[in-house]
Amino acid sequence: MHIADLNLAVLIDGDNVPSTYVKEMLQEIAKYGNPTLKRIYGDWTKPSLGKWKKVLLENAISPVQQYGYTRGKNATDSAMIIDAMDILYSGKVNGFCLVSSDSDFTRLAIRLREAGMTVFGIGEKKTPEPFIASCDRFIYLEILHEAPENDPQKETTERASNGRIDKINAKVIRFIANTIADLEDDEGWAFLGEVGALLQKKQPNFDSRNYGFAKLTPLIKSIPQFQVEIRKNPKGNKNLVFVRNTK
């Protein structure tokens, strides 16, 4: 099944994710499949969820009430996990999007993938590594703000000034170079589409937008040690992009 054909259950941890990103978040999710079910979990008697209440109706997100039975215990997490398993066994979806920055959902993501589900994670950059690694792909909320119209450079500059752009350091370059080496032919060339897919498998939170680039191709072009070659696709109109490491 093509990834865009997935029917997704979107489960949001209302206690752990700000409502600020809801519009961009749902637009991002739509890239990966059809969000057939959208639920958000929390204790709606608490003032802290007031901002979420304002955006639920216009985004067709169903609130699930969960009272905190015991102080210090997160009943919201438990409700979301139980619901996820019920949805899994219903057979109505073939993918999940878990929106949270909480490591408590690590085991849930692993279990869903064991059952053959595709699992996307969305959360803030404070999300612990175990939860990130348990997803097929993890997207940081901070990179989802819409770019100002006709001024993509302004978006990059503003985000960089806010400290949200990650640095392309030697570790990142080595990671990309090793991935190219895994796929290269006898002349050192690798198809960039396959490189991008393998980068994602190795590191679910790898995203060119983390480094200020909308796509992988300009990110690769910005690194001097990588050579990019555009080739005509014999089977279609779109050109094919290949890359190799010059060092």
C-alpha atoms as a PDB file:
ATOM      1  CA  MET A   1       0.000   0.000   0.000  1.00  0.00           C
ATOM      2  CA  HIS A   2       1.280   3.449  -0.933  1.00  0.00           C
ATOM      3  CA  ILE A   3       1.921   5.619   2.114  1.00  0.00           C
ATOM      4  CA  ALA A   4      -0.598   8.282   0.942  1.00  0.00           C
ATOM      5  CA  ASP A   5      -3.342   5.621   0.882  1.00  0.00           C
ATOM      6  CA  LEU A   6      -3.078   4.942   4.613  1.00  0.00           C
ATOM      7  CA  ASN A   7      -6.141   5.392   6.810  1.00  0.00           C
ATOM      8  CA  LEU A   8      -4.757   6.977   9.954  1.00  0.00           C
ATOM      9  CA  ALA A   9      -5.952   7.168  13.532  1.00  0.00           C
ATOM     10  CA  VAL A  10      -4.689  10.462  14.956  1.00  0.00           C
ATOM     11  CA  LEU A  11      -4.433  10.307  18.747  1.00  0.00           C
ATOM     12  CA  ILE A  12      -3.383  13.499  20.538  1.00  0.00           C
ATOM     13  CA  ASP A  13      -2.103  13.775  24.099  1.00  0.00           C
ATOM     14  CA  GLY A  14      -3.796  17.042  25.049  1.00  0.00           C
ATOM     15  CA  ASP A  15      -1.844  17.305  28.313  1.00  0.00           C
ATOM     16  CA  ASN A  16       1.480  17.177  26.498  1.00  0.00           C
ATOM     17  CA  VAL A  17       1.120  19.061  23.207  1.00  0.00           C
ATOM     18  CA  PRO A  18       0.313  22.775  22.717  1.00  0.00           C
ATOM     19  CA  SER A  19      -2.614  23.748  20.495  1.00  0.00           C
ATOM     20  CA  THR A  20      -0.474  26.332  18.697  1.00  0.00           C
ATOM     21  CA  TYR A  21       0.520  23.935  15.939  1.00  0.00           C
ATOM     22  CA  VAL A  22      -2.836  22.264  15.246  1.00  0.00           C
ATOM     23  CA  LYS A  23      -3.386  23.648  11.732  1.00  0.00           C
ATOM     24  CA  GLU A  24       0.123  22.891  10.488  1.00  0.00           C
ATOM     25  CA  MET A  25       0.102  19.532  12.276  1.00  0.00           C
ATOM     26  CA  LEU A  26      -3.042  18.328  10.491  1.00  0.00           C
ATOM     27  CA  GLN A  27      -1.704  19.564   7.153  1.00  0.00           C
ATOM     28  CA  GLU A  28       1.465  17.552   7.758  1.00  0.00           C
ATOM     29  CA  ILE A  29      -0.494  14.425   8.681  1.00  0.00           C
ATOM     30  CA  ALA A  30      -2.502  14.713   5.443  1.00  0.00           C
ATOM     31  CA  LYS A  31       0.736  14.176   3.495  1.00  0.00           C
ATOM     32  CA  TYR A  32       1.023  10.660   4.882  1.00  0.00           C
ATOM     33  CA  GLY A  33      -2.554   9.443   4.714  1.00  0.00           C
ATOM     34  CA  ASN A  34      -6.220  10.075   5.381  1.00  0.00           C
ATOM     35  CA  PRO A  35      -6.893  10.971   9.040  1.00  0.00           C
ATOM     36  CA  THR A  36     -10.133   9.009   9.308  1.00  0.00           C
ATOM     37  CA  LEU A  37     -10.220   9.253  13.092  1.00  0.00           C
ATOM     38  CA  LYS A  38      -9.027  12.211  15.181  1.00  0.00           C
ATOM     39  CA  ARG A  39      -9.202  12.156  18.977  1.00  0.00           C
ATOM     40  CA  ILE A  40      -7.614  14.217  21.721  1.00  0.00           C
ATOM     41  CA  TYR A  41      -7.339  13.054  25.329  1.00  0.00           C
ATOM     42  CA  GLY A  42      -7.319  15.093  28.517  1.00  0.00           C
ATOM     43  CA  ASP A  43      -9.217  16.300  31.540  1.00  0.00           C
ATOM     44  CA  TRP A  44     -11.385  18.980  29.956  1.00  0.00           C
ATOM     45  CA  THR A  45     -12.367  20.382  33.367  1.00  0.00           C
ATOM     46  CA  LYS A  46      -8.824  21.797  33.654  1.00  0.00           C
ATOM     47  CA  PRO A  47      -8.154  25.396  32.521  1.00  0.00           C
ATOM     48  CA  SER A  48      -4.884  24.272  30.894  1.00  0.00           C
ATOM     49  CA  LEU A  49      -6.824  22.717  27.994  1.00  0.00           C
ATOM     50  CA  GLY A  50      -8.820  25.865  27.323  1.00  0.00           C
ATOM     51  CA  LYS A  51      -6.894  26.748  24.156  1.00  0.00           C
ATOM     52  CA  TRP A  52      -7.499  23.277  22.714  1.00  0.00           C
ATOM     53  CA  LYS A  53     -11.277  23.685  23.200  1.00  0.00           C
ATOM     54  CA  LYS A  54     -11.278  26.614  20.773  1.00  0.00           C
ATOM     55  CA  VAL A  55      -9.769  24.651  17.873  1.00  0.00           C
ATOM     56  CA  LEU A  56     -11.418  21.234  18.230  1.00  0.00           C
ATOM     57  CA  LEU A  57     -14.650  21.938  16.341  1.00  0.00           C
ATOM     58  CA  GLU A  58     -13.077  23.712  13.371  1.00  0.00           C
ATOM     59  CA  ASN A  59     -10.595  20.840  12.936  1.00  0.00           C
ATOM     60  CA  ALA A  60     -13.094  17.988  13.549  1.00  0.00           C
ATOM     61  CA  ILE A  61     -11.145  16.575  16.493  1.00  0.00           C
ATOM     62  CA  SER A  62     -13.196  14.587  19.008  1.00  0.00           C
ATOM     63  CA  PRO A  63     -12.347  15.265  22.685  1.00  0.00           C
ATOM     64  CA  VAL A  64     -12.143  12.313  25.044  1.00  0.00           C
ATOM     65  CA  GLN A  65     -12.708  13.164  28.703  1.00  0.00           C
ATOM     66  CA  GLN A  66     -10.364  11.485  31.155  1.00  0.00           C
ATOM     67  CA  TYR A  67     -10.396  12.472  34.837  1.00  0.00           C
ATOM     68  CA  GLY A  68      -7.210  12.162  36.837  1.00  0.00           C
ATOM     69  CA  TYR A  69      -8.118   9.512  39.406  1.00  0.00           C
ATOM     70  CA  THR A  70      -4.883   9.697  41.370  1.00  0.00           C
ATOM     71  CA  ARG A  71      -2.508  12.587  41.880  1.00  0.00           C
ATOM     72  CA  GLY A  72       0.836  12.030  40.151  1.00  0.00           C
ATOM     73  CA  LYS A  73      -0.552   9.412  37.744  1.00  0.00           C
ATOM     74  CA  ASN A  74      -1.302  10.271  34.119  1.00  0.00           C
ATOM     75  CA  ALA A  75      -4.722   8.784  33.405  1.00  0.00           C
ATOM     76  CA  THR A  76      -4.745  10.478  29.986  1.00  0.00           C
ATOM     77  CA  ASP A  77      -1.882   8.266  28.787  1.00  0.00           C
ATOM     78  CA  SER A  78      -3.698   5.128  29.904  1.00  0.00           C
ATOM     79  CA  ALA A  79      -6.930   6.137  28.159  1.00  0.00           C
ATOM     80  CA  MET A  80      -5.083   6.894  24.933  1.00  0.00           C
ATOM     81  CA  ILE A  81      -3.233   3.555  25.019  1.00  0.00           C
ATOM     82  CA  ILE A  82      -6.429   1.569  25.670  1.00  0.00           C
ATOM     83  CA  ASP A  83      -8.213   3.388  22.844  1.00  0.00           C
ATOM     84  CA  ALA A  84      -5.306   2.729  20.486  1.00  0.00           C
ATOM     85  CA  MET A  85      -5.524  -1.010  21.096  1.00  0.00           C
ATOM     86  CA  ASP A  86      -9.301  -0.984  20.585  1.00  0.00           C
ATOM     87  CA  ILE A  87      -8.815   0.855  17.287  1.00  0.00           C
ATOM     88  CA  LEU A  88      -6.083  -1.580  16.263  1.00  0.00           C
ATOM     89  CA  TYR A  89      -8.352  -4.588  16.711  1.00  0.00           C
ATOM     90  CA  SER A  90     -11.243  -2.857  14.934  1.00  0.00           C
ATOM     91  CA  GLY A  91      -9.332  -3.221  11.655  1.00  0.00           C
ATOM     92  CA  LYS A  92     -10.543   0.171  10.430  1.00  0.00           C
ATOM     93  CA  VAL A  93      -7.113   1.790  10.059  1.00  0.00           C
ATOM     94  CA  ASN A  94      -3.686   0.730   8.837  1.00  0.00           C
ATOM     95  CA  GLY A  95      -1.663   3.467  10.480  1.00  0.00           C
ATOM     96  CA  PHE A  96      -1.455   5.601  13.595  1.00  0.00           C
ATOM     97  CA  CYS A  97      -0.242   9.117  14.310  1.00  0.00           C
ATOM     98  CA  LEU A  98       0.682   9.528  17.988  1.00  0.00           C
ATOM     99  CA  VAL A  99       0.946  13.207  18.892  1.00  0.00           C
ATOM    100  CA  SER A 100       2.889  13.572  22.115  1.00  0.00           C
ATOM    101  CA  SER A 101       6.315  14.378  23.512  1.00  0.00           C
ATOM    102  CA  ASP A 102       5.929  11.744  26.222  1.00  0.00           C
ATOM    103  CA  SER A 103       8.135   8.647  26.348  1.00  0.00           C
ATOM    104  CA  ASP A 104       5.237   6.711  27.942  1.00  0.00           C
ATOM    105  CA  PHE A 105       4.003   5.945  24.426  1.00  0.00           C
ATOM    106  CA  THR A 106       7.191   4.154  23.389  1.00  0.00           C
ATOM    107  CA  ARG A 107       5.838   0.680  24.107  1.00  0.00           C
ATOM    108  CA  LEU A 108       2.554   1.516  22.382  1.00  0.00           C
ATOM    109  CA  ALA A 109       4.347   2.550  19.191  1.00  0.00           C
ATOM    110  CA  ILE A 110       6.409  -0.642  19.247  1.00  0.00           C
ATOM    111  CA  ARG A 111       3.309  -2.783  19.768  1.00  0.00           C
ATOM    112  CA  LEU A 112       1.423  -1.113  16.926  1.00  0.00           C
ATOM    113  CA  ARG A 113       4.338  -1.657  14.538  1.00  0.00           C
ATOM    114  CA  GLU A 114       4.553  -5.293  15.613  1.00  0.00           C
ATOM    115  CA  ALA A 115       0.934  -5.576  14.489  1.00  0.00           C
ATOM    116  CA  GLY A 116       1.857  -4.269  11.040  1.00  0.00           C
ATOM    117  CA  MET A 117       0.763  -0.672  11.557  1.00  0.00           C
ATOM    118  CA  THR A 118       2.699   2.288  10.181  1.00  0.00           C
ATOM    119  CA  VAL A 119       3.344   4.651  13.087  1.00  0.00           C
ATOM    120  CA  PHE A 120       4.062   8.367  12.806  1.00  0.00           C
ATOM    121  CA  GLY A 121       5.093  10.363  15.847  1.00  0.00           C
ATOM    122  CA  ILE A 122       4.697  14.117  16.233  1.00  0.00           C
ATOM    123  CA  GLY A 123       6.050  16.030  19.210  1.00  0.00           C
ATOM    124  CA  GLU A 124       8.340  18.772  20.389  1.00  0.00           C
ATOM    125  CA  LYS A 125      12.118  18.597  20.235  1.00  0.00           C
ATOM    126  CA  LYS A 126      12.184  17.670  23.923  1.00  0.00           C
ATOM    127  CA  THR A 127      10.749  14.237  23.016  1.00  0.00           C
ATOM    128  CA  PRO A 128      12.942  11.414  24.441  1.00  0.00           C
ATOM    129  CA  GLU A 129      14.900   9.304  21.946  1.00  0.00           C
ATOM    130  CA  PRO A 130      13.202   5.969  22.794  1.00  0.00           C
ATOM    131  CA  PHE A 131       9.799   7.233  21.618  1.00  0.00           C
ATOM    132  CA  ILE A 132      11.330   8.732  18.469  1.00  0.00           C
ATOM    133  CA  ALA A 133      13.118   5.480  17.637  1.00  0.00           C
ATOM    134  CA  SER A 134       9.941   3.442  18.130  1.00  0.00           C
ATOM    135  CA  CYS A 135       8.147   5.259  15.264  1.00  0.00           C
ATOM    136  CA  ASP A 136       8.493   4.782  11.521  1.00  0.00           C
ATOM    137  CA  ARG A 137       8.827   8.534  11.217  1.00  0.00           C
ATOM    138  CA  PHE A 138       8.943  11.313  13.787  1.00  0.00           C
ATOM    139  CA  ILE A 139       8.215  14.960  12.978  1.00  0.00           C
ATOM    140  CA  TYR A 140       9.083  17.846  15.263  1.00  0.00           C
ATOM    141  CA  LEU A 141       6.277  20.340  15.860  1.00  0.00           C
ATOM    142  CA  GLU A 142       8.727  23.241  15.800  1.00  0.00           C
ATOM    143  CA  ILE A 143       9.394  22.840  12.063  1.00  0.00           C
ATOM    144  CA  LEU A 144       5.734  22.946  11.043  1.00  0.00           C
ATOM    145  CA  HIS A 145       5.115  26.690  11.184  1.00  0.00           C
ATOM    146  CA  GLU A 146       4.001  27.966   7.812  1.00  0.00           C
ATOM    147  CA  ALA A 147       6.534  29.959   5.806  1.00  0.00           C
ATOM    148  CA  PRO A 148       5.485  33.551   5.012  1.00  0.00           C
ATOM    149  CA  GLU A 149       4.107  33.790   1.453  1.00  0.00           C
ATOM    150  CA  ASN A 150       6.674  34.595  -1.260  1.00  0.00           C
ATOM    151  CA  ASP A 151       9.451  34.842   1.297  1.00  0.00           C
ATOM    152  CA  PRO A 152      10.928  31.443   2.174  1.00  0.00           C
ATOM    153  CA  GLN A 153      14.217  33.084   3.135  1.00  0.00           C
ATOM    154  CA  LYS A 154      12.449  35.108   5.843  1.00  0.00           C
ATOM    155  CA  GLU A 155      11.098  31.871   7.309  1.00  0.00           C
ATOM    156  CA  THR A 156      14.598  30.355   7.510  1.00  0.00           C
ATOM    157  CA  THR A 157      16.051  33.526   9.002  1.00  0.00           C
ATOM    158  CA  GLU A 158      13.314  33.852  11.628  1.00  0.00           C
ATOM    159  CA  ARG A 159      13.571  30.218  12.661  1.00  0.00           C
ATOM    160  CA  ALA A 160      17.340  30.418  12.868  1.00  0.00           C
ATOM    161  CA  SER A 161      17.111  33.501  15.086  1.00  0.00           C
ATOM    162  CA  ASN A 162      14.831  31.532  17.407  1.00  0.00           C
ATOM    163  CA  GLY A 163      17.411  28.781  17.718  1.00  0.00           C
ATOM    164  CA  ARG A 164      15.221  26.113  16.126  1.00  0.00           C
ATOM    165  CA  ILE A 165      17.471  25.271  13.150  1.00  0.00           C
ATOM    166  CA  ASP A 166      19.811  22.362  13.810  1.00  0.00           C
ATOM    167  CA  LYS A 167      23.416  22.634  12.693  1.00  0.00           C
ATOM    168  CA  ILE A 168      24.700  20.499   9.836  1.00  0.00           C
ATOM    169  CA  ASN A 169      27.718  19.235  11.742  1.00  0.00           C
ATOM    170  CA  ALA A 170      30.300  16.548  11.015  1.00  0.00           C
ATOM    171  CA  LYS A 171      28.093  13.877  12.591  1.00  0.00           C
ATOM    172  CA  VAL A 172      25.177  14.682  10.272  1.00  0.00           C
ATOM    173  CA  ILE A 173      27.445  14.721   7.208  1.00  0.00           C
ATOM    174  CA  ARG A 174      28.978  11.382   8.202  1.00  0.00           C
ATOM    175  CA  PHE A 175      25.503   9.914   8.685  1.00  0.00           C
ATOM    176  CA  ILE A 176      24.455  10.985   5.184  1.00  0.00           C
ATOM    177  CA  ALA A 177      27.762   9.846   3.652  1.00  0.00           C
ATOM    178  CA  ASN A 178      27.477   6.397   5.220  1.00  0.00           C
ATOM    179  CA  THR A 179      23.915   6.063   3.956  1.00  0.00           C
ATOM    180  CA  ILE A 180      24.996   6.987   0.426  1.00  0.00           C
ATOM    181  CA  ALA A 181      27.754   4.369   0.700  1.00  0.00           C
ATOM    182  CA  ASP A 182      25.153   1.753   1.632  1.00  0.00           C
ATOM    183  CA  LEU A 183      23.336   2.326  -1.674  1.00  0.00           C
ATOM    184  CA  GLU A 184      26.011   3.456  -4.137  1.00  0.00           C
ATOM    185  CA  ASP A 185      26.747   1.679  -7.413  1.00  0.00           C
ATOM    186  CA  ASP A 186      30.209   0.823  -8.737  1.00  0.00           C
ATOM    187  CA  GLU A 187      30.819   4.478  -9.619  1.00  0.00           C
ATOM    188  CA  GLY A 188      29.696   5.755  -6.225  1.00  0.00           C
ATOM    189  CA  TRP A 189      26.302   7.109  -7.320  1.00  0.00           C
ATOM    190  CA  ALA A 190      23.112   6.521  -5.313  1.00  0.00           C
ATOM    191  CA  PHE A 191      19.515   7.446  -6.163  1.00  0.00           C
ATOM    192  CA  LEU A 192      18.546  10.266  -3.820  1.00  0.00           C
ATOM    193  CA  GLY A 193      15.018   8.915  -3.336  1.00  0.00           C
ATOM    194  CA  GLU A 194      16.424   5.691  -1.913  1.00  0.00           C
ATOM    195  CA  VAL A 195      18.948   7.634   0.183  1.00  0.00           C
ATOM    196  CA  GLY A 196      16.142   9.684   1.738  1.00  0.00           C
ATOM    197  CA  ALA A 197      14.083   6.583   2.522  1.00  0.00           C
ATOM    198  CA  LEU A 198      17.045   4.854   4.162  1.00  0.00           C
ATOM    199  CA  LEU A 199      17.942   7.954   6.197  1.00  0.00           C
ATOM    200  CA  GLN A 200      14.375   7.889   7.523  1.00  0.00           C
ATOM    201  CA  LYS A 201      14.569   4.195   8.409  1.00  0.00           C
ATOM    202  CA  LYS A 202      17.853   4.637  10.236  1.00  0.00           C
ATOM    203  CA  GLN A 203      16.786   7.795  12.072  1.00  0.00           C
ATOM    204  CA  PRO A 204      13.002   8.415  12.192  1.00  0.00           C
ATOM    205  CA  ASN A 205      13.384  12.095  13.118  1.00  0.00           C
ATOM    206  CA  PHE A 206      15.709  12.908  10.200  1.00  0.00           C
ATOM    207  CA  ASP A 207      14.063  15.740   8.280  1.00  0.00           C
ATOM    208  CA  SER A 208      15.664  18.302   5.990  1.00  0.00           C
ATOM    209  CA  ARG A 209      13.395  20.946   7.557  1.00  0.00           C
ATOM    210  CA  ASN A 210      15.273  20.508  10.836  1.00  0.00           C
ATOM    211  CA  TYR A 211      18.236  22.126   9.053  1.00  0.00           C
ATOM    212  CA  GLY A 212      16.301  24.903   7.307  1.00  0.00           C
ATOM    213  CA  PHE A 213      15.699  23.173   3.954  1.00  0.00           C
ATOM    214  CA  ALA A 214      12.261  22.352   2.581  1.00  0.00           C
ATOM    215  CA  LYS A 215      13.553  19.290   0.700  1.00  0.00           C
ATOM    216  CA  LEU A 216      16.450  16.851   0.856  1.00  0.00           C
ATOM    217  CA  THR A 217      17.974  17.888  -2.496  1.00  0.00           C
ATOM    218  CA  PRO A 218      18.899  21.472  -1.476  1.00  0.00           C
ATOM    219  CA  LEU A 219      20.215  20.150   1.837  1.00  0.00           C
ATOM    220  CA  ILE A 220      22.533  17.762  -0.002  1.00  0.00           C
ATOM    221  CA  LYS A 221      23.591  20.498  -2.444  1.00  0.00           C
ATOM    222  CA  SER A 222      24.576  22.739   0.474  1.00  0.00           C
ATOM    223  CA  ILE A 223      27.235  20.254   1.627  1.00  0.00           C
ATOM    224  CA  PRO A 224      30.389  20.618  -0.532  1.00  0.00           C
ATOM    225  CA  GLN A 225      31.531  17.006  -0.261  1.00  0.00           C
ATOM    226  CA  PHE A 226      28.403  15.705  -1.985  1.00  0.00           C
ATOM    227  CA  GLN A 227      27.990  15.851  -5.754  1.00  0.00           C
ATOM    228  CA  VAL A 228      24.478  15.941  -7.223  1.00  0.00           C
ATOM    229  CA  GLU A 229      23.607  14.848 -10.764  1.00  0.00           C
ATOM    230  CA  ILE A 230      20.236  15.267 -12.476  1.00  0.00           C
ATOM    231  CA  ARG A 231      19.357  12.500 -14.942  1.00  0.00           C
ATOM    232  CA  LYS A 232      16.483  12.165 -17.370  1.00  0.00           C
ATOM    233  CA  ASN A 233      13.944   9.568 -16.323  1.00  0.00           C
ATOM    234  CA  PRO A 234      13.451   7.128 -19.236  1.00  0.00           C
ATOM    235  CA  LYS A 235      10.064   6.063 -17.825  1.00  0.00           C
ATOM    236  CA  GLY A 236       8.499   9.430 -17.099  1.00  0.00           C
ATOM    237  CA  ASN A 237       8.694  13.223 -17.222  1.00  0.00           C
ATOM    238  CA  LYS A 238      10.255  13.773 -13.811  1.00  0.00           C
ATOM    239  CA  ASN A 239      14.035  13.892 -13.645  1.00  0.00           C
ATOM    240  CA  LEU A 240      15.945  11.594 -11.304  1.00  0.00           C
ATOM    241  CA  VAL A 241      18.405  12.936  -8.747  1.00  0.00           C
ATOM    242  CA  PHE A 242      21.572  11.029  -7.933  1.00  0.00           C
ATOM    243  CA  VAL A 243      24.220  11.825  -5.351  1.00  0.00           C
ATOM    244  CA  ARG A 244      27.717  10.675  -4.490  1.00  0.00           C
ATOM    245  CA  ASN A 245      30.329  11.393  -1.892  1.00  0.00           C
ATOM    246  CA  THR A 246      33.459  13.073  -3.291  1.00  0.00           C
ATOM    247  CA  LYS A 247      35.601  12.397  -0.227  1.00  0.00           C
END
